[in-house]
């Protein structure tokens, strides 16, 4: 089979490699689409380290090619599935307490991870989520990032009819808009890019604004009687975004730091302000199986429409260019289509 193998930072090779063989209780899945996420971008640039060589890709979908004899019913060859390609051990403290996104062994050498940039992967049935015929493989590849947004909004405690500020209107910010709107929130968006603000409003944001020059503060005050928003999700890695978050929330407000920051970035808030205003600050890392299941249902029911976020698709021949385009913020999501040249 073909696979895009990352051998070193910025060194991606398309190789013919052996097709994996599923065990008795495993599935072989022929991949159809895989998103190029921030994780893959950071692996490509070397900002994030994992042992080389590796086959990146974790936002994937495809169809079952073969099933081991001990696989439960529901996964016959041809079954269309969205895939959760970060494995959990199921045995550590975090897995056993409902926080499998924190699995202590998810990146160990003996755990299969990623692999979405190959033509086939072997997975456990618990990693495969059947999808309807009406959902395209490209859309199904959004199940993983949508699941991360679901996790994020749970962490920030979003409730019906609350005001939510999303800082950053890149792909993940836009997906937060989609999910939060469906949850009944009034969503404000902050981003310096006018086109991204326009997209956020198209996807359901109540208002979107360039934060420069005090526009964000004015917008929030105008529509909340000066209180501030109930909750804020930060999807931008700019340190100024953290300052804006705490300047925009009300007393008892909540902030979730969704994005990763440079090492040793600190939260710019006085501890006494946290104390007196009863702020709550959380973070988000990945998603659980339940989050993934809920994301697949949202997509399958047509409750969130991710099609506007598909900027382009590439085959193996254009994959490196697609990764570089994603790094350059050209559009939203670039996807690998395994059947394209």
C-alpha atoms as a PDB file:
ATOM      1  CA  UNK A   1       0.000   0.000   0.000  1.00  0.00           C
ATOM      2  CA  UNK A   2       1.015   3.633  -0.329  1.00  0.00           C
ATOM      3  CA  UNK A   3       1.816   5.667   2.754  1.00  0.00           C
ATOM      4  CA  UNK A   4       3.205   9.127   3.396  1.00  0.00           C
ATOM      5  CA  UNK A   5       6.100   8.551   5.778  1.00  0.00           C
ATOM      6  CA  UNK A   6       7.601  11.411   7.766  1.00  0.00           C
ATOM      7  CA  UNK A   7      11.280  10.521   8.179  1.00  0.00           C
ATOM      8  CA  UNK A   8      12.449  13.822   9.697  1.00  0.00           C
ATOM      9  CA  UNK A   9      11.131  17.384   9.979  1.00  0.00           C
ATOM     10  CA  UNK A  10      10.009  18.561   6.519  1.00  0.00           C
ATOM     11  CA  UNK A  11      10.976  15.221   4.973  1.00  0.00           C
ATOM     12  CA  UNK A  12       7.879  13.419   3.694  1.00  0.00           C
ATOM     13  CA  UNK A  13       8.268  10.358   1.476  1.00  0.00           C
ATOM     14  CA  UNK A  14       5.541   8.482  -0.387  1.00  0.00           C
ATOM     15  CA  UNK A  15       6.492   4.832   0.022  1.00  0.00           C
ATOM     16  CA  UNK A  16       5.136   1.421  -0.839  1.00  0.00           C
ATOM     17  CA  UNK A  17       4.839  -0.365   2.489  1.00  0.00           C
ATOM     18  CA  UNK A  18       3.344  -3.636   3.617  1.00  0.00           C
ATOM     19  CA  UNK A  19      -0.416  -3.598   4.119  1.00  0.00           C
ATOM     20  CA  UNK A  20      -1.154  -4.337   7.786  1.00  0.00           C
ATOM     21  CA  UNK A  21      -2.943  -7.554   8.698  1.00  0.00           C
ATOM     22  CA  UNK A  22      -5.786  -7.394  11.230  1.00  0.00           C
ATOM     23  CA  UNK A  23      -5.833  -9.680  14.235  1.00  0.00           C
ATOM     24  CA  UNK A  24      -8.762 -11.904  15.114  1.00  0.00           C
ATOM     25  CA  UNK A  25     -10.584  -9.069  16.889  1.00  0.00           C
ATOM     26  CA  UNK A  26      -9.457  -6.208  14.639  1.00  0.00           C
ATOM     27  CA  UNK A  27     -10.556  -4.398  11.484  1.00  0.00           C
ATOM     28  CA  UNK A  28      -8.626  -3.532   8.354  1.00  0.00           C
ATOM     29  CA  UNK A  29      -9.938  -0.203   7.053  1.00  0.00           C
ATOM     30  CA  UNK A  30      -9.331   1.193   3.580  1.00  0.00           C
ATOM     31  CA  UNK A  31      -8.951   4.924   4.120  1.00  0.00           C
ATOM     32  CA  UNK A  32     -10.790   7.436   1.976  1.00  0.00           C
ATOM     33  CA  UNK A  33     -10.109  10.839   3.551  1.00  0.00           C
ATOM     34  CA  UNK A  34      -7.910  12.356   6.253  1.00  0.00           C
ATOM     35  CA  UNK A  35      -7.670  15.934   7.470  1.00  0.00           C
ATOM     36  CA  UNK A  36      -4.390  17.798   7.851  1.00  0.00           C
ATOM     37  CA  UNK A  37      -4.665  19.023  11.426  1.00  0.00           C
ATOM     38  CA  UNK A  38      -2.413  21.261  13.501  1.00  0.00           C
ATOM     39  CA  UNK A  39      -0.851  18.092  14.936  1.00  0.00           C
ATOM     40  CA  UNK A  40       0.315  16.982  11.484  1.00  0.00           C
ATOM     41  CA  UNK A  41       1.565  20.476  10.745  1.00  0.00           C
ATOM     42  CA  UNK A  42       3.626  20.523  13.943  1.00  0.00           C
ATOM     43  CA  UNK A  43       4.992  17.055  13.257  1.00  0.00           C
ATOM     44  CA  UNK A  44       5.986  18.179   9.764  1.00  0.00           C
ATOM     45  CA  UNK A  45       7.807  21.296  10.970  1.00  0.00           C
ATOM     46  CA  UNK A  46       9.414  19.469  13.898  1.00  0.00           C
ATOM     47  CA  UNK A  47       7.704  21.638  16.494  1.00  0.00           C
ATOM     48  CA  UNK A  48       6.181  18.464  17.939  1.00  0.00           C
ATOM     49  CA  UNK A  49       8.400  15.441  18.441  1.00  0.00           C
ATOM     50  CA  UNK A  50       7.504  11.791  17.913  1.00  0.00           C
ATOM     51  CA  UNK A  51       9.821   8.913  16.986  1.00  0.00           C
ATOM     52  CA  UNK A  52      10.653   8.816  13.277  1.00  0.00           C
ATOM     53  CA  UNK A  53       9.759   7.362  10.882  1.00  0.00           C
ATOM     54  CA  UNK A  54       6.003   7.663  11.289  1.00  0.00           C
ATOM     55  CA  UNK A  55       2.852   7.874   9.208  1.00  0.00           C
ATOM     56  CA  UNK A  56       0.908  10.951  10.388  1.00  0.00           C
ATOM     57  CA  UNK A  57      -2.814  11.526  10.103  1.00  0.00           C
ATOM     58  CA  UNK A  58      -5.547  11.116  12.708  1.00  0.00           C
ATOM     59  CA  UNK A  59      -8.704  12.771  11.292  1.00  0.00           C
ATOM     60  CA  UNK A  60      -9.684   9.858   9.086  1.00  0.00           C
ATOM     61  CA  UNK A  61     -12.578   8.000   7.525  1.00  0.00           C
ATOM     62  CA  UNK A  62     -12.906   5.005   5.229  1.00  0.00           C
ATOM     63  CA  UNK A  63     -14.595   1.666   4.759  1.00  0.00           C
ATOM     64  CA  UNK A  64     -14.018  -1.725   6.319  1.00  0.00           C
ATOM     65  CA  UNK A  65     -11.915  -3.920   4.022  1.00  0.00           C
ATOM     66  CA  UNK A  66     -11.717  -6.982   6.282  1.00  0.00           C
ATOM     67  CA  UNK A  67     -12.788  -8.022   9.761  1.00  0.00           C
ATOM     68  CA  UNK A  68     -11.229 -10.612  12.035  1.00  0.00           C
ATOM     69  CA  UNK A  69     -13.398 -13.601  13.026  1.00  0.00           C
ATOM     70  CA  UNK A  70     -13.894 -12.309  16.577  1.00  0.00           C
ATOM     71  CA  UNK A  71     -15.089  -8.830  15.559  1.00  0.00           C
ATOM     72  CA  UNK A  72     -18.674  -8.203  16.770  1.00  0.00           C
ATOM     73  CA  UNK A  73     -21.515  -7.770  14.247  1.00  0.00           C
ATOM     74  CA  UNK A  74     -21.902  -4.442  12.463  1.00  0.00           C
ATOM     75  CA  UNK A  75     -18.542  -4.220  10.703  1.00  0.00           C
ATOM     76  CA  UNK A  76     -18.987  -6.214   7.521  1.00  0.00           C
ATOM     77  CA  UNK A  77     -16.653  -5.367   4.620  1.00  0.00           C
ATOM     78  CA  UNK A  78     -17.889  -2.196   2.961  1.00  0.00           C
ATOM     79  CA  UNK A  79     -19.146  -0.615   6.191  1.00  0.00           C
ATOM     80  CA  UNK A  80     -18.408   3.119   6.086  1.00  0.00           C
ATOM     81  CA  UNK A  81     -16.705   4.406   9.244  1.00  0.00           C
ATOM     82  CA  UNK A  82     -15.166   7.424  10.921  1.00  0.00           C
ATOM     83  CA  UNK A  83     -12.017   6.512  12.832  1.00  0.00           C
ATOM     84  CA  UNK A  84     -10.603   7.474  16.198  1.00  0.00           C
ATOM     85  CA  UNK A  85      -6.915   6.885  15.504  1.00  0.00           C
ATOM     86  CA  UNK A  86      -5.491   7.652  18.940  1.00  0.00           C
ATOM     87  CA  UNK A  87      -5.592   4.380  20.845  1.00  0.00           C
ATOM     88  CA  UNK A  88      -6.213   4.153  24.564  1.00  0.00           C
ATOM     89  CA  UNK A  89      -4.909   1.345  26.719  1.00  0.00           C
ATOM     90  CA  UNK A  90      -8.182   1.003  28.635  1.00  0.00           C
ATOM     91  CA  UNK A  91      -6.271  -0.025  31.750  1.00  0.00           C
ATOM     92  CA  UNK A  92      -4.610   3.065  33.246  1.00  0.00           C
ATOM     93  CA  UNK A  93      -6.128   5.290  35.933  1.00  0.00           C
ATOM     94  CA  UNK A  94      -7.415   7.848  33.438  1.00  0.00           C
ATOM     95  CA  UNK A  95      -9.025   5.325  31.102  1.00  0.00           C
ATOM     96  CA  UNK A  96     -10.758   3.637  34.033  1.00  0.00           C
ATOM     97  CA  UNK A  97     -12.106   6.934  35.398  1.00  0.00           C
ATOM     98  CA  UNK A  98     -13.654   8.224  32.170  1.00  0.00           C
ATOM     99  CA  UNK A  99     -10.770  10.421  31.053  1.00  0.00           C
ATOM    100  CA  UNK A 100      -9.326   8.273  28.279  1.00  0.00           C
ATOM    101  CA  UNK A 101      -8.137  11.409  26.473  1.00  0.00           C
ATOM    102  CA  UNK A 102      -5.510  11.531  29.231  1.00  0.00           C
ATOM    103  CA  UNK A 103      -4.457   7.885  28.731  1.00  0.00           C
ATOM    104  CA  UNK A 104      -0.964   7.459  30.130  1.00  0.00           C
ATOM    105  CA  UNK A 105      -0.012   5.046  27.348  1.00  0.00           C
ATOM    106  CA  UNK A 106      -1.560   6.604  24.248  1.00  0.00           C
ATOM    107  CA  UNK A 107       1.770   7.539  22.707  1.00  0.00           C
ATOM    108  CA  UNK A 108       3.838   4.589  23.934  1.00  0.00           C
ATOM    109  CA  UNK A 109       5.835   2.635  21.396  1.00  0.00           C
ATOM    110  CA  UNK A 110       3.577  -0.411  21.771  1.00  0.00           C
ATOM    111  CA  UNK A 111       0.429   1.577  20.990  1.00  0.00           C
ATOM    112  CA  UNK A 112      -0.571   2.182  17.372  1.00  0.00           C
ATOM    113  CA  UNK A 113      -1.163   5.879  16.783  1.00  0.00           C
ATOM    114  CA  UNK A 114      -2.028   8.017  13.779  1.00  0.00           C
ATOM    115  CA  UNK A 115      -1.599   6.336  10.377  1.00  0.00           C
ATOM    116  CA  UNK A 116      -4.216   8.312   8.456  1.00  0.00           C
ATOM    117  CA  UNK A 117      -1.757   9.197   5.690  1.00  0.00           C
ATOM    118  CA  UNK A 118      -1.626   5.557   4.583  1.00  0.00           C
ATOM    119  CA  UNK A 119      -4.062   3.657   2.389  1.00  0.00           C
ATOM    120  CA  UNK A 120      -4.976   1.134   5.107  1.00  0.00           C
ATOM    121  CA  UNK A 121      -4.987   0.999   8.903  1.00  0.00           C
ATOM    122  CA  UNK A 122      -5.765  -1.706  11.443  1.00  0.00           C
ATOM    123  CA  UNK A 123      -8.006  -0.634  14.321  1.00  0.00           C
ATOM    124  CA  UNK A 124     -10.043  -2.074  17.143  1.00  0.00           C
ATOM    125  CA  UNK A 125     -13.819  -2.090  16.589  1.00  0.00           C
ATOM    126  CA  UNK A 126     -14.087   0.459  19.415  1.00  0.00           C
ATOM    127  CA  UNK A 127     -12.179   2.918  17.213  1.00  0.00           C
ATOM    128  CA  UNK A 128     -14.564   2.601  14.244  1.00  0.00           C
ATOM    129  CA  UNK A 129     -17.856   4.508  14.199  1.00  0.00           C
ATOM    130  CA  UNK A 130     -20.297   3.604  11.396  1.00  0.00           C
ATOM    131  CA  UNK A 131     -21.557   6.511   9.283  1.00  0.00           C
ATOM    132  CA  UNK A 132     -24.556   6.782   6.935  1.00  0.00           C
ATOM    133  CA  UNK A 133     -24.298   6.746   3.155  1.00  0.00           C
ATOM    134  CA  UNK A 134     -25.418  10.372   3.017  1.00  0.00           C
ATOM    135  CA  UNK A 135     -22.343  11.596   4.893  1.00  0.00           C
ATOM    136  CA  UNK A 136     -19.313  12.043   2.655  1.00  0.00           C
ATOM    137  CA  UNK A 137     -15.941  10.674   3.688  1.00  0.00           C
ATOM    138  CA  UNK A 138     -14.599  14.232   3.718  1.00  0.00           C
ATOM    139  CA  UNK A 139     -17.280  15.299   6.181  1.00  0.00           C
ATOM    140  CA  UNK A 140     -16.777  12.166   8.282  1.00  0.00           C
ATOM    141  CA  UNK A 141     -13.087  13.046   8.633  1.00  0.00           C
ATOM    142  CA  UNK A 142     -14.235  16.010  10.734  1.00  0.00           C
ATOM    143  CA  UNK A 143     -15.546  13.694  13.460  1.00  0.00           C
ATOM    144  CA  UNK A 144     -12.288  13.901  15.403  1.00  0.00           C
ATOM    145  CA  UNK A 145     -11.954  17.721  15.496  1.00  0.00           C
ATOM    146  CA  UNK A 146     -15.683  18.142  16.150  1.00  0.00           C
ATOM    147  CA  UNK A 147     -15.281  15.705  19.058  1.00  0.00           C
ATOM    148  CA  UNK A 148     -12.480  17.879  20.420  1.00  0.00           C
ATOM    149  CA  UNK A 149     -14.805  20.902  20.284  1.00  0.00           C
ATOM    150  CA  UNK A 150     -17.515  18.962  22.096  1.00  0.00           C
ATOM    151  CA  UNK A 151     -14.995  18.114  24.804  1.00  0.00           C
ATOM    152  CA  UNK A 152     -13.900  21.755  24.972  1.00  0.00           C
ATOM    153  CA  UNK A 153     -17.440  23.065  25.408  1.00  0.00           C
ATOM    154  CA  UNK A 154     -18.125  20.488  28.103  1.00  0.00           C
ATOM    155  CA  UNK A 155     -14.980  21.586  29.925  1.00  0.00           C
ATOM    156  CA  UNK A 156     -16.043  25.231  29.833  1.00  0.00           C
ATOM    157  CA  UNK A 157     -19.481  24.211  31.114  1.00  0.00           C
ATOM    158  CA  UNK A 158     -21.481  25.827  28.322  1.00  0.00           C
ATOM    159  CA  UNK A 159     -25.200  25.979  29.062  1.00  0.00           C
ATOM    160  CA  UNK A 160     -28.338  26.815  27.102  1.00  0.00           C
ATOM    161  CA  UNK A 161     -28.774  30.503  26.190  1.00  0.00           C
ATOM    162  CA  UNK A 162     -25.375  31.561  27.531  1.00  0.00           C
ATOM    163  CA  UNK A 163     -23.021  33.998  25.840  1.00  0.00           C
ATOM    164  CA  UNK A 164     -19.831  32.381  24.564  1.00  0.00           C
ATOM    165  CA  UNK A 165     -16.790  34.139  23.144  1.00  0.00           C
ATOM    166  CA  UNK A 166     -14.574  32.160  20.771  1.00  0.00           C
ATOM    167  CA  UNK A 167     -11.167  33.776  20.333  1.00  0.00           C
ATOM    168  CA  UNK A 168      -9.629  32.740  17.031  1.00  0.00           C
ATOM    169  CA  UNK A 169     -11.611  31.886  13.891  1.00  0.00           C
ATOM    170  CA  UNK A 170      -9.355  29.304  12.323  1.00  0.00           C
ATOM    171  CA  UNK A 171     -10.665  25.796  11.613  1.00  0.00           C
ATOM    172  CA  UNK A 172     -11.082  24.867  15.272  1.00  0.00           C
ATOM    173  CA  UNK A 173     -12.629  28.208  16.169  1.00  0.00           C
ATOM    174  CA  UNK A 174     -15.161  27.794  13.377  1.00  0.00           C
ATOM    175  CA  UNK A 175     -16.039  24.288  14.550  1.00  0.00           C
ATOM    176  CA  UNK A 176     -16.593  25.648  18.050  1.00  0.00           C
ATOM    177  CA  UNK A 177     -19.054  28.106  16.498  1.00  0.00           C
ATOM    178  CA  UNK A 178     -20.927  25.280  14.784  1.00  0.00           C
ATOM    179  CA  UNK A 179     -21.218  23.118  17.890  1.00  0.00           C
ATOM    180  CA  UNK A 180     -21.886  25.927  20.379  1.00  0.00           C
ATOM    181  CA  UNK A 181     -24.648  27.345  18.195  1.00  0.00           C
ATOM    182  CA  UNK A 182     -26.292  23.925  18.165  1.00  0.00           C
ATOM    183  CA  UNK A 183     -26.031  23.859  21.955  1.00  0.00           C
ATOM    184  CA  UNK A 184     -28.128  27.021  22.151  1.00  0.00           C
ATOM    185  CA  UNK A 185     -25.407  29.555  22.917  1.00  0.00           C
ATOM    186  CA  UNK A 186     -25.134  33.076  21.553  1.00  0.00           C
ATOM    187  CA  UNK A 187     -21.656  33.050  20.063  1.00  0.00           C
ATOM    188  CA  UNK A 188     -19.296  35.988  19.715  1.00  0.00           C
ATOM    189  CA  UNK A 189     -16.087  35.588  17.711  1.00  0.00           C
ATOM    190  CA  UNK A 190     -12.840  37.535  17.788  1.00  0.00           C
ATOM    191  CA  UNK A 191     -10.344  37.360  14.922  1.00  0.00           C
ATOM    192  CA  UNK A 192      -8.315  40.009  13.044  1.00  0.00           C
ATOM    193  CA  UNK A 193      -9.093  38.375   9.680  1.00  0.00           C
ATOM    194  CA  UNK A 194     -12.239  39.873   8.111  1.00  0.00           C
ATOM    195  CA  UNK A 195     -12.863  36.840   5.906  1.00  0.00           C
ATOM    196  CA  UNK A 196     -12.730  34.520   8.896  1.00  0.00           C
ATOM    197  CA  UNK A 197     -15.121  36.753  10.811  1.00  0.00           C
ATOM    198  CA  UNK A 198     -17.510  36.602   7.857  1.00  0.00           C
ATOM    199  CA  UNK A 199     -17.274  32.805   7.813  1.00  0.00           C
ATOM    200  CA  UNK A 200     -18.020  32.652  11.535  1.00  0.00           C
ATOM    201  CA  UNK A 201     -21.224  34.630  11.024  1.00  0.00           C
ATOM    202  CA  UNK A 202     -22.141  32.382   8.105  1.00  0.00           C
ATOM    203  CA  UNK A 203     -21.754  29.359  10.404  1.00  0.00           C
ATOM    204  CA  UNK A 204     -23.976  30.782  13.118  1.00  0.00           C
ATOM    205  CA  UNK A 205     -22.046  33.335  15.175  1.00  0.00           C
ATOM    206  CA  UNK A 206     -24.147  36.194  16.534  1.00  0.00           C
ATOM    207  CA  UNK A 207     -21.302  38.649  15.958  1.00  0.00           C
ATOM    208  CA  UNK A 208     -17.659  38.561  14.891  1.00  0.00           C
ATOM    209  CA  UNK A 209     -15.150  41.349  15.211  1.00  0.00           C
ATOM    210  CA  UNK A 210     -11.513  42.311  14.763  1.00  0.00           C
ATOM    211  CA  UNK A 211     -10.289  42.703  18.358  1.00  0.00           C
ATOM    212  CA  UNK A 212      -7.896  45.536  17.572  1.00  0.00           C
ATOM    213  CA  UNK A 213      -8.604  49.055  18.789  1.00  0.00           C
ATOM    214  CA  UNK A 214     -10.973  48.043  21.559  1.00  0.00           C
ATOM    215  CA  UNK A 215     -13.666  46.699  19.231  1.00  0.00           C
ATOM    216  CA  UNK A 216     -13.978  43.395  21.084  1.00  0.00           C
ATOM    217  CA  UNK A 217     -14.442  45.006  24.475  1.00  0.00           C
ATOM    218  CA  UNK A 218     -17.024  47.392  23.050  1.00  0.00           C
ATOM    219  CA  UNK A 219     -18.941  44.566  21.367  1.00  0.00           C
ATOM    220  CA  UNK A 220     -19.070  42.437  24.487  1.00  0.00           C
ATOM    221  CA  UNK A 221     -20.118  45.309  26.738  1.00  0.00           C
ATOM    222  CA  UNK A 222     -22.813  46.443  24.319  1.00  0.00           C
ATOM    223  CA  UNK A 223     -24.536  43.073  24.159  1.00  0.00           C
ATOM    224  CA  UNK A 224     -24.141  41.923  27.768  1.00  0.00           C
ATOM    225  CA  UNK A 225     -25.173  45.081  29.634  1.00  0.00           C
ATOM    226  CA  UNK A 226     -21.522  45.589  30.492  1.00  0.00           C
ATOM    227  CA  UNK A 227     -21.155  42.281  32.347  1.00  0.00           C
ATOM    228  CA  UNK A 228     -19.085  40.272  29.900  1.00  0.00           C
ATOM    229  CA  UNK A 229     -19.698  36.839  28.415  1.00  0.00           C
ATOM    230  CA  UNK A 230     -20.470  33.770  30.486  1.00  0.00           C
ATOM    231  CA  UNK A 231     -17.722  31.661  28.943  1.00  0.00           C
ATOM    232  CA  UNK A 232     -14.781  31.929  26.583  1.00  0.00           C
ATOM    233  CA  UNK A 233     -12.841  29.378  24.542  1.00  0.00           C
ATOM    234  CA  UNK A 234      -9.363  30.386  23.395  1.00  0.00           C
ATOM    235  CA  UNK A 235      -8.343  28.748  20.111  1.00  0.00           C
ATOM    236  CA  UNK A 236      -5.648  31.260  19.175  1.00  0.00           C
ATOM    237  CA  UNK A 237      -2.056  30.648  20.352  1.00  0.00           C
ATOM    238  CA  UNK A 238      -1.343  34.387  20.583  1.00  0.00           C
ATOM    239  CA  UNK A 239      -0.568  35.437  24.185  1.00  0.00           C
ATOM    240  CA  UNK A 240      -2.804  38.486  23.695  1.00  0.00           C
ATOM    241  CA  UNK A 241      -5.738  36.111  23.295  1.00  0.00           C
ATOM    242  CA  UNK A 242      -5.423  35.072  26.939  1.00  0.00           C
ATOM    243  CA  UNK A 243      -5.523  38.695  28.047  1.00  0.00           C
ATOM    244  CA  UNK A 244      -8.606  39.287  25.916  1.00  0.00           C
ATOM    245  CA  UNK A 245     -10.318  36.249  27.403  1.00  0.00           C
ATOM    246  CA  UNK A 246     -10.091  37.467  30.984  1.00  0.00           C
ATOM    247  CA  UNK A 247     -11.002  41.005  29.948  1.00  0.00           C
ATOM    248  CA  UNK A 248     -14.177  39.731  28.290  1.00  0.00           C
ATOM    249  CA  UNK A 249     -15.760  37.376  30.830  1.00  0.00           C
ATOM    250  CA  UNK A 250     -18.271  38.264  33.510  1.00  0.00           C
ATOM    251  CA  UNK A 251     -17.973  37.543  37.194  1.00  0.00           C
ATOM    252  CA  UNK A 252     -18.253  33.755  37.648  1.00  0.00           C
ATOM    253  CA  UNK A 253     -17.089  33.476  34.028  1.00  0.00           C
ATOM    254  CA  UNK A 254     -15.218  30.466  32.675  1.00  0.00           C
ATOM    255  CA  UNK A 255     -12.245  30.283  30.318  1.00  0.00           C
ATOM    256  CA  UNK A 256     -11.134  27.156  28.494  1.00  0.00           C
ATOM    257  CA  UNK A 257      -7.662  27.161  26.954  1.00  0.00           C
ATOM    258  CA  UNK A 258      -8.207  24.972  23.918  1.00  0.00           C
ATOM    259  CA  UNK A 259      -5.017  25.654  22.005  1.00  0.00           C
ATOM    260  CA  UNK A 260      -1.420  24.752  22.796  1.00  0.00           C
ATOM    261  CA  UNK A 261       0.988  27.572  23.616  1.00  0.00           C
ATOM    262  CA  UNK A 262       4.710  28.030  23.452  1.00  0.00           C
ATOM    263  CA  UNK A 263       6.602  26.602  26.416  1.00  0.00           C
ATOM    264  CA  UNK A 264       6.256  28.522  29.691  1.00  0.00           C
ATOM    265  CA  UNK A 265       3.478  30.840  28.497  1.00  0.00           C
ATOM    266  CA  UNK A 266       1.774  32.148  31.633  1.00  0.00           C
ATOM    267  CA  UNK A 267      -1.823  33.179  32.293  1.00  0.00           C
ATOM    268  CA  UNK A 268      -1.938  36.991  32.630  1.00  0.00           C
ATOM    269  CA  UNK A 269      -4.370  37.384  35.504  1.00  0.00           C
ATOM    270  CA  UNK A 270      -4.062  38.516  39.103  1.00  0.00           C
ATOM    271  CA  UNK A 271      -4.799  35.670  41.517  1.00  0.00           C
ATOM    272  CA  UNK A 272      -6.988  38.031  43.539  1.00  0.00           C
ATOM    273  CA  UNK A 273      -9.122  38.686  40.459  1.00  0.00           C
ATOM    274  CA  UNK A 274      -9.626  34.943  40.078  1.00  0.00           C
ATOM    275  CA  UNK A 275     -10.535  34.760  43.754  1.00  0.00           C
ATOM    276  CA  UNK A 276     -12.936  37.699  43.949  1.00  0.00           C
ATOM    277  CA  UNK A 277     -14.647  37.169  40.612  1.00  0.00           C
ATOM    278  CA  UNK A 278     -14.943  33.385  41.007  1.00  0.00           C
ATOM    279  CA  UNK A 279     -13.395  32.750  37.613  1.00  0.00           C
ATOM    280  CA  UNK A 280     -12.867  29.158  36.502  1.00  0.00           C
ATOM    281  CA  UNK A 281     -10.009  28.254  34.165  1.00  0.00           C
ATOM    282  CA  UNK A 282      -9.770  24.914  32.367  1.00  0.00           C
ATOM    283  CA  UNK A 283      -7.822  23.310  29.554  1.00  0.00           C
ATOM    284  CA  UNK A 284      -8.691  20.733  26.923  1.00  0.00           C
ATOM    285  CA  UNK A 285      -6.620  17.886  25.494  1.00  0.00           C
ATOM    286  CA  UNK A 286      -8.147  15.671  22.837  1.00  0.00           C
ATOM    287  CA  UNK A 287     -11.442  13.868  23.305  1.00  0.00           C
ATOM    288  CA  UNK A 288     -12.942  10.699  24.767  1.00  0.00           C
ATOM    289  CA  UNK A 289     -14.811   7.908  23.013  1.00  0.00           C
ATOM    290  CA  UNK A 290     -18.094   9.443  24.171  1.00  0.00           C
ATOM    291  CA  UNK A 291     -17.178  12.798  22.636  1.00  0.00           C
ATOM    292  CA  UNK A 292     -16.304  11.028  19.387  1.00  0.00           C
ATOM    293  CA  UNK A 293     -19.608   9.138  19.389  1.00  0.00           C
ATOM    294  CA  UNK A 294     -21.503  12.393  19.878  1.00  0.00           C
ATOM    295  CA  UNK A 295     -19.559  14.078  17.070  1.00  0.00           C
ATOM    296  CA  UNK A 296     -20.400  11.278  14.647  1.00  0.00           C
ATOM    297  CA  UNK A 297     -24.072  11.611  15.555  1.00  0.00           C
ATOM    298  CA  UNK A 298     -24.041  15.385  15.023  1.00  0.00           C
ATOM    299  CA  UNK A 299     -22.484  14.944  11.594  1.00  0.00           C
ATOM    300  CA  UNK A 300     -24.682  11.996  10.655  1.00  0.00           C
ATOM    301  CA  UNK A 301     -27.872  13.843  11.607  1.00  0.00           C
ATOM    302  CA  UNK A 302     -26.815  16.897   9.591  1.00  0.00           C
ATOM    303  CA  UNK A 303     -26.870  19.032  12.737  1.00  0.00           C
ATOM    304  CA  UNK A 304     -23.490  20.598  11.967  1.00  0.00           C
ATOM    305  CA  UNK A 305     -22.453  21.370   8.402  1.00  0.00           C
ATOM    306  CA  UNK A 306     -18.680  21.265   7.980  1.00  0.00           C
ATOM    307  CA  UNK A 307     -18.678  21.427   4.179  1.00  0.00           C
ATOM    308  CA  UNK A 308     -17.858  25.187   4.127  1.00  0.00           C
ATOM    309  CA  UNK A 309     -14.632  24.385   6.001  1.00  0.00           C
ATOM    310  CA  UNK A 310     -13.293  22.028   3.320  1.00  0.00           C
ATOM    311  CA  UNK A 311     -10.858  24.298   1.490  1.00  0.00           C
ATOM    312  CA  UNK A 312      -9.249  21.754  -0.806  1.00  0.00           C
ATOM    313  CA  UNK A 313      -8.464  18.080  -1.219  1.00  0.00           C
ATOM    314  CA  UNK A 314      -5.160  16.603  -2.374  1.00  0.00           C
ATOM    315  CA  UNK A 315      -3.859  13.191  -3.323  1.00  0.00           C
ATOM    316  CA  UNK A 316      -0.576  11.643  -2.218  1.00  0.00           C
ATOM    317  CA  UNK A 317       1.211  13.590  -4.951  1.00  0.00           C
ATOM    318  CA  UNK A 318       0.024  16.906  -3.537  1.00  0.00           C
ATOM    319  CA  UNK A 319       0.152  16.043   0.149  1.00  0.00           C
ATOM    320  CA  UNK A 320       3.296  17.965   1.052  1.00  0.00           C
ATOM    321  CA  UNK A 321       1.994  21.046  -0.759  1.00  0.00           C
ATOM    322  CA  UNK A 322      -1.285  20.609   1.101  1.00  0.00           C
ATOM    323  CA  UNK A 323       0.514  20.485   4.443  1.00  0.00           C
ATOM    324  CA  UNK A 324       2.432  23.633   3.591  1.00  0.00           C
ATOM    325  CA  UNK A 325      -0.803  25.353   2.540  1.00  0.00           C
ATOM    326  CA  UNK A 326      -2.365  24.439   5.882  1.00  0.00           C
ATOM    327  CA  UNK A 327       0.659  25.815   7.729  1.00  0.00           C
ATOM    328  CA  UNK A 328       0.337  29.051   5.730  1.00  0.00           C
ATOM    329  CA  UNK A 329      -3.329  29.352   6.818  1.00  0.00           C
ATOM    330  CA  UNK A 330      -4.582  29.123   3.254  1.00  0.00           C
ATOM    331  CA  UNK A 331      -8.240  28.420   3.898  1.00  0.00           C
ATOM    332  CA  UNK A 332      -9.510  26.108   6.617  1.00  0.00           C
ATOM    333  CA  UNK A 333      -9.176  22.339   6.341  1.00  0.00           C
ATOM    334  CA  UNK A 334      -7.072  20.646   3.673  1.00  0.00           C
ATOM    335  CA  UNK A 335      -7.810  16.929   3.324  1.00  0.00           C
ATOM    336  CA  UNK A 336      -5.959  14.002   1.820  1.00  0.00           C
ATOM    337  CA  UNK A 337      -8.182  12.006  -0.534  1.00  0.00           C
ATOM    338  CA  UNK A 338      -6.574   8.608  -0.807  1.00  0.00           C
ATOM    339  CA  UNK A 339      -8.105   7.888  -4.214  1.00  0.00           C
ATOM    340  CA  UNK A 340      -6.704  11.066  -5.795  1.00  0.00           C
ATOM    341  CA  UNK A 341      -3.329  10.872  -7.593  1.00  0.00           C
END
